[in-house]
Amino acid sequence: MTDQELNDAAEPEADESQEAVDTSKSAPADRDTAGPFDFAEVPTMRPYVDLGGIKIAPREGLQMRLEVDERAKRVVAVSLEYAESLLQVQAFSAPKSSGMWHQIRRDLTTQLESQGAKVAEEDGPLGAEIVTATPVPADQGGGTRAARFIGVDGPRWILRGILMGKAAVDKSAHAQLVDLFREIVVVRGDLPMPPGDLLPLKVPAGVQPGAQDAGAAEA
């Protein structure tokens, strides 16, 4: 599965099943103090890279890439390269009083299994994670490619991530990327949005889409 296919799999889908799904919010108990944060929960003096719907805390060794949908001419995801791993993140609007991560995990499982991936669910520091192993075509080296899908329901938003590279299989690297994920700030805004709409992302002033050093940038 390519990075684009993984990204497509992370998009919200309408569930056609009539089976009841847990609509409670899925988030660590200390989310409001340890992240991922809502914009209202973070002191304004702390430096961040401002990407519109999300803000990224800079750190040494962090490389940031903006994923652009060329057809729609818009930024659709942010990829963070750190510690031999890749974390791709997206933030979406969500209901105020209910969560979406339980539903999304079920949809992901169905979709990924239909694409030939082996899928399992594991408990992680943020809650339930989806762990996948996807066959790699022989002309691309064969074997399987591992990935982990993580998600946290916040106030009127959900932040979702895909862990790839070392963090998908190594416990220490996984912890480092979860820590990076928890430093992210989500800027939901006050405009009405249907649940599941991607929060608008923007290219920071003076920056072009592509790999950028996020180790010292401020916003």
N, C-alpha and C. Protein backbone atom coordinates (compact mmCIF):
# COMPACT_ATOMS: atom_id res chain seq x y z
N MET A 1 0.85 -1.20 0.00
CA MET A 1 0.00 0.00 0.00
C MET A 1 0.88 1.24 0.00
N THR A 2 0.62 2.16 -0.90
CA THR A 2 1.40 3.39 -0.96
C THR A 2 0.96 4.35 0.13
N ASP A 3 1.78 5.43 0.35
CA ASP A 3 1.42 6.44 1.34
C ASP A 3 0.08 7.07 0.98
N GLN A 4 -0.18 7.26 -0.34
CA GLN A 4 -1.44 7.86 -0.75
C GLN A 4 -2.61 6.95 -0.42
N GLU A 5 -2.43 5.64 -0.62
CA GLU A 5 -3.49 4.69 -0.29
C GLU A 5 -3.75 4.67 1.21
N LEU A 6 -2.68 4.78 2.00
CA LEU A 6 -2.86 4.85 3.45
C LEU A 6 -3.64 6.10 3.82
N ASN A 7 -3.31 7.21 3.16
CA ASN A 7 -4.01 8.46 3.41
C ASN A 7 -5.47 8.35 3.02
N ASP A 8 -5.73 7.72 1.86
CA ASP A 8 -7.12 7.54 1.44
C ASP A 8 -7.89 6.69 2.43
N ALA A 9 -7.22 5.70 3.00
CA ALA A 9 -7.89 4.82 3.96
C ALA A 9 -8.25 5.55 5.23
N ALA A 10 -7.55 6.66 5.49
CA ALA A 10 -7.83 7.41 6.71
C ALA A 10 -8.99 8.38 6.57
N GLU A 11 -9.47 8.59 5.35
CA GLU A 11 -10.58 9.51 5.15
C GLU A 11 -11.86 8.93 5.74
N PRO A 12 -12.69 9.78 6.38
CA PRO A 12 -13.95 9.29 6.95
C PRO A 12 -14.86 8.74 5.87
N GLU A 13 -15.56 7.68 6.19
CA GLU A 13 -16.52 7.10 5.26
C GLU A 13 -17.87 6.94 5.95
N ALA A 14 -18.91 7.05 5.18
CA ALA A 14 -20.24 6.82 5.73
C ALA A 14 -20.40 5.33 6.02
N ASP A 15 -20.91 4.99 7.20
CA ASP A 15 -21.07 3.60 7.59
C ASP A 15 -22.46 3.13 7.19
N GLU A 16 -22.51 2.06 6.39
CA GLU A 16 -23.80 1.55 5.93
C GLU A 16 -24.33 0.46 6.85
N SER A 17 -23.54 0.06 7.83
CA SER A 17 -23.97 -1.00 8.74
C SER A 17 -24.96 -0.44 9.76
N GLN A 18 -25.90 -1.30 10.16
CA GLN A 18 -26.88 -0.90 11.15
C GLN A 18 -26.45 -1.25 12.57
N GLU A 19 -25.29 -1.92 12.67
CA GLU A 19 -24.81 -2.32 13.99
C GLU A 19 -24.46 -1.08 14.81
N ALA A 20 -24.87 -1.10 16.08
CA ALA A 20 -24.60 0.05 16.95
C ALA A 20 -23.11 0.21 17.17
N VAL A 21 -22.66 1.45 17.18
CA VAL A 21 -21.25 1.77 17.38
C VAL A 21 -21.12 2.69 18.57
N ASP A 22 -20.07 2.49 19.36
CA ASP A 22 -19.79 3.34 20.50
C ASP A 22 -19.50 4.76 20.01
N THR A 23 -20.30 5.72 20.45
CA THR A 23 -20.10 7.11 20.03
C THR A 23 -19.46 7.97 21.12
N SER A 24 -18.95 7.32 22.18
CA SER A 24 -18.26 8.09 23.21
C SER A 24 -16.92 8.59 22.66
N LYS A 25 -16.39 9.62 23.27
CA LYS A 25 -15.11 10.16 22.84
C LYS A 25 -13.98 9.23 23.28
N SER A 26 -13.00 9.05 22.39
CA SER A 26 -11.82 8.24 22.69
C SER A 26 -10.62 9.18 22.82
N ALA A 27 -10.11 9.31 24.04
CA ALA A 27 -8.99 10.22 24.29
C ALA A 27 -8.36 9.86 25.63
N PRO A 28 -7.06 10.09 25.79
CA PRO A 28 -6.43 9.87 27.09
C PRO A 28 -7.03 10.82 28.13
N ALA A 29 -7.06 10.39 29.38
CA ALA A 29 -7.69 11.18 30.44
C ALA A 29 -7.03 12.55 30.62
N ASP A 30 -5.75 12.64 30.28
CA ASP A 30 -5.02 13.90 30.46
C ASP A 30 -4.88 14.68 29.16
N ARG A 31 -5.76 14.44 28.19
CA ARG A 31 -5.62 15.09 26.89
C ARG A 31 -5.54 16.60 26.99
N ASP A 32 -6.37 17.23 27.83
CA ASP A 32 -6.40 18.69 27.88
C ASP A 32 -5.14 19.30 28.48
N THR A 33 -4.34 18.50 29.21
CA THR A 33 -3.10 19.02 29.79
C THR A 33 -1.85 18.44 29.15
N ALA A 34 -1.96 17.28 28.47
CA ALA A 34 -0.79 16.64 27.87
C ALA A 34 -0.92 16.48 26.36
N GLY A 35 -2.08 16.87 25.79
CA GLY A 35 -2.26 16.84 24.35
C GLY A 35 -2.77 15.51 23.83
N PRO A 36 -3.12 15.56 22.52
CA PRO A 36 -3.12 16.73 21.63
C PRO A 36 -4.09 17.81 22.11
N PHE A 37 -3.72 19.05 21.84
CA PHE A 37 -4.41 20.17 22.47
C PHE A 37 -5.41 20.84 21.54
N ASP A 38 -6.42 21.42 22.16
CA ASP A 38 -7.28 22.38 21.47
C ASP A 38 -6.60 23.74 21.56
N PHE A 39 -6.84 24.57 20.55
CA PHE A 39 -6.20 25.89 20.51
C PHE A 39 -6.43 26.69 21.79
N ALA A 40 -7.61 26.53 22.40
CA ALA A 40 -7.94 27.30 23.60
C ALA A 40 -7.16 26.84 24.83
N GLU A 41 -6.48 25.70 24.73
CA GLU A 41 -5.79 25.12 25.89
C GLU A 41 -4.30 25.44 25.94
N VAL A 42 -3.79 26.17 24.95
CA VAL A 42 -2.35 26.38 24.84
C VAL A 42 -1.98 27.84 25.04
N PRO A 43 -0.96 28.11 25.85
CA PRO A 43 -0.49 29.50 26.02
C PRO A 43 -0.06 30.08 24.68
N THR A 44 -0.44 31.32 24.42
CA THR A 44 -0.17 31.94 23.12
C THR A 44 1.31 32.23 22.91
N MET A 45 2.11 32.28 23.96
CA MET A 45 3.51 32.65 23.79
C MET A 45 4.38 31.50 23.30
N ARG A 46 3.90 30.28 23.31
CA ARG A 46 4.71 29.16 22.87
C ARG A 46 4.82 29.15 21.35
N PRO A 47 6.02 28.92 20.80
CA PRO A 47 6.18 28.94 19.34
C PRO A 47 5.61 27.69 18.68
N TYR A 48 4.95 27.88 17.55
CA TYR A 48 4.44 26.77 16.75
C TYR A 48 4.58 27.11 15.27
N VAL A 49 4.63 26.07 14.45
CA VAL A 49 4.51 26.25 13.01
C VAL A 49 3.02 26.25 12.69
N ASP A 50 2.52 27.37 12.18
CA ASP A 50 1.09 27.55 11.95
C ASP A 50 0.70 27.03 10.58
N LEU A 51 -0.10 25.96 10.57
CA LEU A 51 -0.56 25.35 9.32
C LEU A 51 -2.07 25.51 9.16
N GLY A 52 -2.65 26.45 9.89
CA GLY A 52 -4.09 26.67 9.80
C GLY A 52 -4.85 25.80 10.77
N GLY A 53 -5.37 24.65 10.29
CA GLY A 53 -6.16 23.77 11.15
C GLY A 53 -5.36 23.07 12.23
N ILE A 54 -4.05 22.99 12.05
CA ILE A 54 -3.20 22.43 13.11
C ILE A 54 -1.96 23.28 13.26
N LYS A 55 -1.35 23.19 14.43
CA LYS A 55 -0.07 23.84 14.70
C LYS A 55 0.91 22.77 15.18
N ILE A 56 2.14 22.84 14.69
CA ILE A 56 3.16 21.86 15.01
C ILE A 56 4.23 22.49 15.90
N ALA A 57 4.56 21.81 16.99
CA ALA A 57 5.61 22.29 17.88
C ALA A 57 6.97 21.94 17.26
N PRO A 58 7.83 22.92 17.01
CA PRO A 58 9.13 22.62 16.41
C PRO A 58 10.03 21.88 17.39
N ARG A 59 10.88 21.04 16.86
CA ARG A 59 11.89 20.36 17.67
C ARG A 59 13.06 19.99 16.77
N GLU A 60 14.22 19.84 17.36
CA GLU A 60 15.42 19.51 16.60
C GLU A 60 15.27 18.16 15.91
N GLY A 61 15.63 18.11 14.64
CA GLY A 61 15.59 16.86 13.90
C GLY A 61 14.26 16.56 13.23
N LEU A 62 13.28 17.42 13.41
CA LEU A 62 11.95 17.20 12.83
C LEU A 62 11.88 17.79 11.43
N GLN A 63 11.49 16.97 10.47
CA GLN A 63 11.28 17.43 9.09
C GLN A 63 9.78 17.36 8.78
N MET A 64 9.27 18.40 8.16
CA MET A 64 7.84 18.49 7.88
C MET A 64 7.61 18.55 6.38
N ARG A 65 6.62 17.80 5.89
CA ARG A 65 6.24 17.83 4.48
C ARG A 65 4.74 18.02 4.38
N LEU A 66 4.30 18.91 3.53
CA LEU A 66 2.88 19.15 3.32
C LEU A 66 2.41 18.33 2.13
N GLU A 67 1.38 17.51 2.36
CA GLU A 67 0.83 16.66 1.29
C GLU A 67 -0.28 17.43 0.58
N VAL A 68 -0.11 17.62 -0.73
CA VAL A 68 -1.02 18.47 -1.51
C VAL A 68 -1.81 17.63 -2.51
N ASP A 69 -3.12 17.82 -2.52
CA ASP A 69 -3.99 17.24 -3.54
C ASP A 69 -3.89 18.15 -4.76
N GLU A 70 -3.18 17.68 -5.80
CA GLU A 70 -2.93 18.53 -6.97
C GLU A 70 -4.22 18.86 -7.72
N ARG A 71 -5.18 17.93 -7.71
CA ARG A 71 -6.43 18.19 -8.41
C ARG A 71 -7.23 19.30 -7.73
N ALA A 72 -7.31 19.23 -6.41
CA ALA A 72 -8.07 20.24 -5.66
C ALA A 72 -7.22 21.45 -5.30
N LYS A 73 -5.90 21.34 -5.49
CA LYS A 73 -4.98 22.43 -5.16
C LYS A 73 -5.12 22.85 -3.70
N ARG A 74 -5.09 21.84 -2.82
CA ARG A 74 -5.17 22.16 -1.40
C ARG A 74 -4.30 21.19 -0.60
N VAL A 75 -3.83 21.66 0.55
CA VAL A 75 -3.06 20.81 1.46
C VAL A 75 -4.02 19.89 2.18
N VAL A 76 -3.77 18.59 2.16
CA VAL A 76 -4.70 17.63 2.75
C VAL A 76 -4.13 16.88 3.95
N ALA A 77 -2.83 16.97 4.18
CA ALA A 77 -2.22 16.27 5.32
C ALA A 77 -0.84 16.84 5.58
N VAL A 78 -0.33 16.56 6.75
CA VAL A 78 1.03 16.97 7.12
C VAL A 78 1.81 15.72 7.51
N SER A 79 2.96 15.53 6.90
CA SER A 79 3.82 14.39 7.23
C SER A 79 5.03 14.88 8.01
N LEU A 80 5.27 14.26 9.15
CA LEU A 80 6.37 14.63 10.04
C LEU A 80 7.37 13.49 10.09
N GLU A 81 8.59 13.74 9.66
CA GLU A 81 9.65 12.74 9.69
C GLU A 81 10.52 12.98 10.92
N TYR A 82 10.63 11.94 11.73
CA TYR A 82 11.38 12.09 12.99
C TYR A 82 11.79 10.71 13.49
N ALA A 83 13.01 10.59 13.96
CA ALA A 83 13.51 9.36 14.59
C ALA A 83 13.29 8.13 13.72
N GLU A 84 13.67 8.22 12.44
CA GLU A 84 13.54 7.11 11.49
C GLU A 84 12.10 6.66 11.29
N SER A 85 11.17 7.57 11.51
CA SER A 85 9.74 7.25 11.41
C SER A 85 9.03 8.36 10.69
N LEU A 86 7.79 8.06 10.29
CA LEU A 86 6.95 9.05 9.64
C LEU A 86 5.58 9.08 10.32
N LEU A 87 5.12 10.26 10.66
CA LEU A 87 3.80 10.46 11.22
C LEU A 87 3.02 11.37 10.29
N GLN A 88 1.97 10.85 9.69
CA GLN A 88 1.11 11.66 8.82
C GLN A 88 -0.16 12.01 9.60
N VAL A 89 -0.49 13.29 9.68
CA VAL A 89 -1.61 13.73 10.51
C VAL A 89 -2.63 14.52 9.72
N GLN A 90 -3.88 14.39 10.15
CA GLN A 90 -5.00 15.16 9.62
C GLN A 90 -5.95 15.46 10.77
N ALA A 91 -6.61 16.60 10.71
CA ALA A 91 -7.62 16.96 11.72
C ALA A 91 -8.94 17.19 11.00
N PHE A 92 -10.02 16.71 11.61
CA PHE A 92 -11.35 16.81 11.02
C PHE A 92 -12.32 17.39 12.03
N SER A 93 -13.38 18.01 11.52
CA SER A 93 -14.45 18.48 12.40
C SER A 93 -15.19 17.27 12.96
N ALA A 94 -15.78 17.44 14.14
CA ALA A 94 -16.49 16.35 14.81
C ALA A 94 -17.61 16.93 15.66
N PRO A 95 -18.56 16.09 16.05
CA PRO A 95 -19.63 16.58 16.93
C PRO A 95 -19.08 17.05 18.27
N LYS A 96 -19.81 17.94 18.91
CA LYS A 96 -19.37 18.48 20.19
C LYS A 96 -19.43 17.46 21.31
N SER A 97 -20.47 16.64 21.34
CA SER A 97 -20.71 15.77 22.49
C SER A 97 -20.43 14.30 22.23
N SER A 98 -20.08 13.92 21.01
CA SER A 98 -19.80 12.51 20.73
C SER A 98 -18.50 12.38 19.96
N GLY A 99 -17.96 11.16 19.95
CA GLY A 99 -16.69 10.92 19.30
C GLY A 99 -16.83 10.16 17.99
N MET A 100 -15.74 10.10 17.22
CA MET A 100 -15.76 9.45 15.91
C MET A 100 -14.74 8.32 15.79
N TRP A 101 -13.77 8.23 16.72
CA TRP A 101 -12.67 7.30 16.55
C TRP A 101 -13.12 5.84 16.57
N HIS A 102 -14.10 5.50 17.39
CA HIS A 102 -14.58 4.11 17.43
C HIS A 102 -15.17 3.71 16.07
N GLN A 103 -15.97 4.59 15.50
CA GLN A 103 -16.57 4.33 14.18
C GLN A 103 -15.49 4.24 13.11
N ILE A 104 -14.56 5.16 13.14
CA ILE A 104 -13.51 5.19 12.12
C ILE A 104 -12.66 3.93 12.17
N ARG A 105 -12.36 3.43 13.35
CA ARG A 105 -11.56 2.20 13.45
C ARG A 105 -12.28 1.04 12.78
N ARG A 106 -13.58 0.95 12.98
CA ARG A 106 -14.33 -0.14 12.36
C ARG A 106 -14.32 0.00 10.84
N ASP A 107 -14.52 1.23 10.35
CA ASP A 107 -14.50 1.46 8.91
C ASP A 107 -13.12 1.16 8.32
N LEU A 108 -12.07 1.56 9.04
CA LEU A 108 -10.71 1.30 8.57
C LEU A 108 -10.44 -0.20 8.47
N THR A 109 -10.86 -0.92 9.48
CA THR A 109 -10.64 -2.37 9.49
C THR A 109 -11.29 -3.02 8.27
N THR A 110 -12.54 -2.66 8.00
CA THR A 110 -13.25 -3.21 6.85
C THR A 110 -12.55 -2.85 5.55
N GLN A 111 -12.16 -1.59 5.40
CA GLN A 111 -11.56 -1.13 4.16
C GLN A 111 -10.19 -1.75 3.93
N LEU A 112 -9.35 -1.78 4.97
CA LEU A 112 -8.00 -2.31 4.81
C LEU A 112 -8.01 -3.81 4.56
N GLU A 113 -8.89 -4.54 5.23
CA GLU A 113 -8.98 -5.98 4.99
C GLU A 113 -9.43 -6.25 3.56
N SER A 114 -10.30 -5.42 3.02
CA SER A 114 -10.74 -5.61 1.64
C SER A 114 -9.62 -5.36 0.65
N GLN A 115 -8.57 -4.64 1.09
CA GLN A 115 -7.42 -4.36 0.24
C GLN A 115 -6.30 -5.39 0.45
N GLY A 116 -6.58 -6.42 1.25
CA GLY A 116 -5.61 -7.49 1.43
C GLY A 116 -4.69 -7.33 2.61
N ALA A 117 -4.90 -6.34 3.45
CA ALA A 117 -4.04 -6.12 4.61
C ALA A 117 -4.47 -6.99 5.78
N LYS A 118 -3.50 -7.37 6.59
CA LYS A 118 -3.79 -8.00 7.87
C LYS A 118 -3.99 -6.89 8.89
N VAL A 119 -5.08 -6.95 9.63
CA VAL A 119 -5.45 -5.86 10.53
C VAL A 119 -5.71 -6.40 11.92
N ALA A 120 -5.16 -5.71 12.93
CA ALA A 120 -5.40 -6.06 14.33
C ALA A 120 -5.60 -4.78 15.12
N GLU A 121 -6.22 -4.91 16.28
CA GLU A 121 -6.42 -3.76 17.16
C GLU A 121 -5.62 -3.97 18.43
N GLU A 122 -4.89 -2.94 18.86
CA GLU A 122 -4.10 -3.02 20.07
C GLU A 122 -4.36 -1.80 20.94
N ASP A 123 -4.19 -1.95 22.25
CA ASP A 123 -4.29 -0.83 23.16
C ASP A 123 -2.97 -0.06 23.14
N GLY A 124 -3.05 1.26 23.00
CA GLY A 124 -1.88 2.11 23.01
C GLY A 124 -2.02 3.21 24.05
N PRO A 125 -1.03 4.07 24.17
CA PRO A 125 -1.08 5.15 25.17
C PRO A 125 -2.20 6.16 24.93
N LEU A 126 -2.73 6.22 23.72
CA LEU A 126 -3.81 7.16 23.40
C LEU A 126 -5.17 6.48 23.37
N GLY A 127 -5.16 5.14 23.48
CA GLY A 127 -6.39 4.35 23.33
C GLY A 127 -6.16 3.27 22.29
N ALA A 128 -7.22 2.80 21.68
CA ALA A 128 -7.12 1.72 20.70
C ALA A 128 -6.44 2.19 19.43
N GLU A 129 -5.55 1.34 18.90
CA GLU A 129 -4.84 1.60 17.65
C GLU A 129 -5.17 0.50 16.64
N ILE A 130 -5.13 0.85 15.38
CA ILE A 130 -5.25 -0.14 14.31
C ILE A 130 -3.85 -0.44 13.79
N VAL A 131 -3.46 -1.72 13.83
CA VAL A 131 -2.15 -2.15 13.37
C VAL A 131 -2.33 -2.94 12.08
N THR A 132 -1.59 -2.58 11.04
CA THR A 132 -1.78 -3.22 9.74
C THR A 132 -0.46 -3.72 9.16
N ALA A 133 -0.56 -4.78 8.37
CA ALA A 133 0.57 -5.28 7.58
C ALA A 133 0.03 -5.48 6.17
N THR A 134 0.53 -4.69 5.24
CA THR A 134 0.02 -4.69 3.87
C THR A 134 1.03 -5.30 2.92
N PRO A 135 0.61 -6.23 2.06
CA PRO A 135 1.55 -6.83 1.10
C PRO A 135 2.16 -5.77 0.17
N VAL A 136 3.46 -5.90 -0.08
CA VAL A 136 4.16 -5.01 -1.00
C VAL A 136 4.38 -5.76 -2.31
N PRO A 137 4.01 -5.17 -3.45
CA PRO A 137 4.21 -5.85 -4.74
C PRO A 137 5.66 -6.26 -4.95
N ALA A 138 5.85 -7.34 -5.67
CA ALA A 138 7.20 -7.87 -5.91
C ALA A 138 8.10 -6.85 -6.58
N ASP A 139 7.52 -6.03 -7.49
CA ASP A 139 8.35 -5.04 -8.19
C ASP A 139 8.75 -3.88 -7.30
N GLN A 140 8.19 -3.85 -6.07
CA GLN A 140 8.57 -2.83 -5.09
C GLN A 140 9.36 -3.44 -3.93
N GLY A 141 9.81 -4.67 -4.11
CA GLY A 141 10.64 -5.31 -3.09
C GLY A 141 9.99 -6.45 -2.36
N GLY A 142 8.66 -6.60 -2.48
CA GLY A 142 7.96 -7.69 -1.82
C GLY A 142 7.86 -7.51 -0.32
N GLY A 143 7.40 -8.55 0.37
CA GLY A 143 7.24 -8.49 1.81
C GLY A 143 5.97 -7.77 2.22
N THR A 144 6.00 -7.16 3.40
CA THR A 144 4.86 -6.41 3.90
C THR A 144 5.31 -5.06 4.43
N ARG A 145 4.37 -4.13 4.48
CA ARG A 145 4.64 -2.80 5.03
C ARG A 145 3.73 -2.59 6.23
N ALA A 146 4.33 -2.24 7.36
CA ALA A 146 3.58 -2.06 8.60
C ALA A 146 3.16 -0.60 8.77
N ALA A 147 2.01 -0.40 9.39
CA ALA A 147 1.53 0.94 9.71
C ALA A 147 0.61 0.85 10.92
N ARG A 148 0.52 1.95 11.65
CA ARG A 148 -0.39 2.05 12.79
C ARG A 148 -1.25 3.29 12.63
N PHE A 149 -2.53 3.14 12.85
CA PHE A 149 -3.46 4.26 12.81
C PHE A 149 -3.85 4.63 14.24
N ILE A 150 -3.69 5.90 14.58
CA ILE A 150 -4.04 6.38 15.91
C ILE A 150 -5.03 7.53 15.78
N GLY A 151 -5.79 7.77 16.82
CA GLY A 151 -6.77 8.86 16.78
C GLY A 151 -7.17 9.31 18.16
N VAL A 152 -7.49 10.60 18.26
CA VAL A 152 -7.95 11.18 19.53
C VAL A 152 -9.11 12.12 19.25
N ASP A 153 -10.21 11.92 19.96
CA ASP A 153 -11.36 12.81 19.86
C ASP A 153 -11.15 14.00 20.79
N GLY A 154 -11.26 15.21 20.25
CA GLY A 154 -11.17 16.42 21.05
C GLY A 154 -12.49 17.16 21.05
N PRO A 155 -12.50 18.39 21.54
CA PRO A 155 -13.73 19.19 21.51
C PRO A 155 -14.04 19.68 20.09
N ARG A 156 -15.03 19.06 19.44
CA ARG A 156 -15.48 19.44 18.10
C ARG A 156 -14.46 19.12 17.02
N TRP A 157 -13.51 18.23 17.31
CA TRP A 157 -12.55 17.79 16.30
C TRP A 157 -12.04 16.40 16.62
N ILE A 158 -11.45 15.77 15.62
CA ILE A 158 -10.73 14.52 15.82
C ILE A 158 -9.40 14.65 15.09
N LEU A 159 -8.33 14.28 15.77
CA LEU A 159 -6.99 14.29 15.18
C LEU A 159 -6.58 12.85 14.93
N ARG A 160 -6.18 12.57 13.69
CA ARG A 160 -5.83 11.22 13.33
C ARG A 160 -4.43 11.16 12.76
N GLY A 161 -3.74 10.06 13.01
CA GLY A 161 -2.38 9.92 12.51
C GLY A 161 -2.11 8.52 11.99
N ILE A 162 -1.13 8.42 11.08
CA ILE A 162 -0.64 7.14 10.59
C ILE A 162 0.85 7.08 10.91
N LEU A 163 1.25 6.07 11.68
CA LEU A 163 2.65 5.87 12.00
C LEU A 163 3.24 4.87 11.02
N MET A 164 4.34 5.24 10.40
CA MET A 164 5.03 4.37 9.47
C MET A 164 6.53 4.36 9.78
N GLY A 165 7.23 3.44 9.17
CA GLY A 165 8.65 3.32 9.44
C GLY A 165 8.90 2.64 10.78
N LYS A 166 9.95 3.04 11.47
CA LYS A 166 10.36 2.39 12.71
C LYS A 166 9.28 2.43 13.77
N ALA A 167 8.52 3.53 13.84
CA ALA A 167 7.50 3.68 14.89
C ALA A 167 6.36 2.69 14.77
N ALA A 168 6.20 2.08 13.59
CA ALA A 168 5.12 1.10 13.39
C ALA A 168 5.45 -0.24 14.03
N VAL A 169 6.75 -0.48 14.31
CA VAL A 169 7.16 -1.81 14.79
C VAL A 169 8.03 -1.77 16.04
N ASP A 170 8.58 -0.60 16.38
CA ASP A 170 9.50 -0.49 17.51
C ASP A 170 8.86 0.30 18.64
N LYS A 171 8.86 -0.27 19.84
CA LYS A 171 8.16 0.34 20.97
C LYS A 171 8.72 1.71 21.35
N SER A 172 10.04 1.84 21.36
CA SER A 172 10.66 3.10 21.74
C SER A 172 10.37 4.19 20.71
N ALA A 173 10.50 3.86 19.42
CA ALA A 173 10.21 4.83 18.36
C ALA A 173 8.73 5.19 18.37
N HIS A 174 7.87 4.22 18.64
CA HIS A 174 6.44 4.47 18.74
C HIS A 174 6.16 5.51 19.82
N ALA A 175 6.80 5.38 20.97
CA ALA A 175 6.59 6.33 22.07
C ALA A 175 7.04 7.73 21.68
N GLN A 176 8.13 7.84 20.92
CA GLN A 176 8.62 9.15 20.48
C GLN A 176 7.62 9.82 19.55
N LEU A 177 7.04 9.06 18.66
CA LEU A 177 6.09 9.64 17.70
C LEU A 177 4.75 9.97 18.37
N VAL A 178 4.35 9.18 19.35
CA VAL A 178 3.14 9.51 20.11
C VAL A 178 3.35 10.81 20.87
N ASP A 179 4.55 10.99 21.41
CA ASP A 179 4.87 12.24 22.10
C ASP A 179 4.79 13.42 21.13
N LEU A 180 5.26 13.23 19.91
CA LEU A 180 5.17 14.26 18.88
C LEU A 180 3.71 14.55 18.54
N PHE A 181 2.91 13.51 18.41
CA PHE A 181 1.49 13.64 18.13
C PHE A 181 0.78 14.44 19.23
N ARG A 182 1.18 14.20 20.47
CA ARG A 182 0.51 14.87 21.59
C ARG A 182 0.88 16.34 21.71
N GLU A 183 1.93 16.78 21.03
CA GLU A 183 2.29 18.19 21.05
C GLU A 183 1.50 19.01 20.02
N ILE A 184 0.77 18.35 19.16
CA ILE A 184 0.02 19.05 18.11
C ILE A 184 -1.15 19.83 18.70
N VAL A 185 -1.40 20.99 18.15
CA VAL A 185 -2.53 21.83 18.54
C VAL A 185 -3.53 21.87 17.38
N VAL A 186 -4.79 21.62 17.68
CA VAL A 186 -5.85 21.66 16.66
C VAL A 186 -6.61 22.98 16.77
N VAL A 187 -6.77 23.63 15.63
CA VAL A 187 -7.50 24.90 15.57
C VAL A 187 -8.80 24.65 14.81
N ARG A 188 -9.86 24.38 15.56
CA ARG A 188 -11.15 24.03 14.95
C ARG A 188 -11.84 25.24 14.34
N GLY A 189 -11.74 26.40 14.98
CA GLY A 189 -12.45 27.59 14.50
C GLY A 189 -13.92 27.54 14.89
N ASP A 190 -14.63 28.62 14.62
CA ASP A 190 -16.03 28.74 15.04
C ASP A 190 -17.03 28.50 13.92
N LEU A 191 -16.56 28.36 12.69
CA LEU A 191 -17.50 28.19 11.58
C LEU A 191 -18.16 26.81 11.63
N PRO A 192 -19.45 26.73 11.31
CA PRO A 192 -20.13 25.44 11.27
C PRO A 192 -19.52 24.56 10.18
N MET A 193 -19.29 23.28 10.52
CA MET A 193 -18.75 22.32 9.56
C MET A 193 -19.39 20.97 9.81
N PRO A 194 -19.73 20.22 8.76
CA PRO A 194 -20.27 18.88 8.96
C PRO A 194 -19.20 17.98 9.59
N PRO A 195 -19.59 17.04 10.45
CA PRO A 195 -18.62 16.08 11.01
C PRO A 195 -17.89 15.34 9.90
N GLY A 196 -16.57 15.22 10.04
CA GLY A 196 -15.77 14.52 9.05
C GLY A 196 -15.12 15.41 8.01
N ASP A 197 -15.45 16.72 7.99
CA ASP A 197 -14.80 17.63 7.06
C ASP A 197 -13.37 17.90 7.51
N LEU A 198 -12.45 17.87 6.55
CA LEU A 198 -11.05 18.17 6.86
C LEU A 198 -10.89 19.62 7.26
N LEU A 199 -10.23 19.86 8.40
CA LEU A 199 -9.96 21.24 8.79
C LEU A 199 -8.97 21.84 7.80
N PRO A 200 -9.24 23.05 7.33
CA PRO A 200 -8.38 23.65 6.30
C PRO A 200 -6.93 23.78 6.76
N LEU A 201 -6.02 23.38 5.88
CA LEU A 201 -4.59 23.52 6.13
C LEU A 201 -4.01 24.53 5.17
N LYS A 202 -2.95 25.18 5.58
CA LYS A 202 -2.33 26.19 4.72
C LYS A 202 -0.82 26.05 4.76
N VAL A 203 -0.20 26.56 3.71
CA VAL A 203 1.26 26.61 3.65
C VAL A 203 1.72 27.84 4.42
N PRO A 204 2.64 27.69 5.37
CA PRO A 204 3.12 28.86 6.12
C PRO A 204 3.71 29.91 5.18
N ALA A 205 3.63 31.16 5.56
CA ALA A 205 4.15 32.26 4.74
C ALA A 205 5.64 32.03 4.44
N GLY A 206 5.99 32.17 3.17
CA GLY A 206 7.38 32.04 2.76
C GLY A 206 7.87 30.62 2.61
N VAL A 207 6.96 29.64 2.72
CA VAL A 207 7.35 28.23 2.63
C VAL A 207 6.65 27.59 1.45
N GLN A 208 7.35 26.73 0.73
CA GLN A 208 6.77 25.99 -0.37
C GLN A 208 6.43 24.57 0.07
N PRO A 209 5.37 23.94 -0.46
CA PRO A 209 5.06 22.56 -0.11
C PRO A 209 6.26 21.66 -0.39
N GLY A 210 6.46 20.67 0.47
CA GLY A 210 7.60 19.78 0.35
C GLY A 210 8.29 19.64 1.69
N ALA A 211 9.44 19.00 1.71
CA ALA A 211 10.15 18.76 2.97
C ALA A 211 10.71 20.06 3.52
N GLN A 212 10.44 20.32 4.78
CA GLN A 212 10.94 21.53 5.44
C GLN A 212 11.47 21.15 6.81
N ASP A 213 12.49 21.88 7.25
CA ASP A 213 13.04 21.67 8.59
C ASP A 213 12.14 22.37 9.58
N ALA A 214 11.47 21.59 10.45
CA ALA A 214 10.58 22.18 11.45
C ALA A 214 11.27 22.25 12.82
N GLY A 215 12.57 22.18 12.81
CA GLY A 215 13.30 22.17 14.08
C GLY A 215 13.40 23.52 14.73
N ALA A 216 13.29 24.60 13.94
CA ALA A 216 13.49 25.91 14.53
C ALA A 216 12.44 26.91 14.09
N ALA A 217 11.46 26.48 13.31
CA ALA A 217 10.45 27.41 12.79
C ALA A 217 9.53 27.88 13.89
N GLU A 218 9.02 29.09 13.75
CA GLU A 218 8.06 29.63 14.71
C GLU A 218 6.88 30.20 13.97
N ALA A 219 5.76 30.27 14.71
CA ALA A 219 4.56 30.88 14.14
C ALA A 219 3.89 31.72 15.21
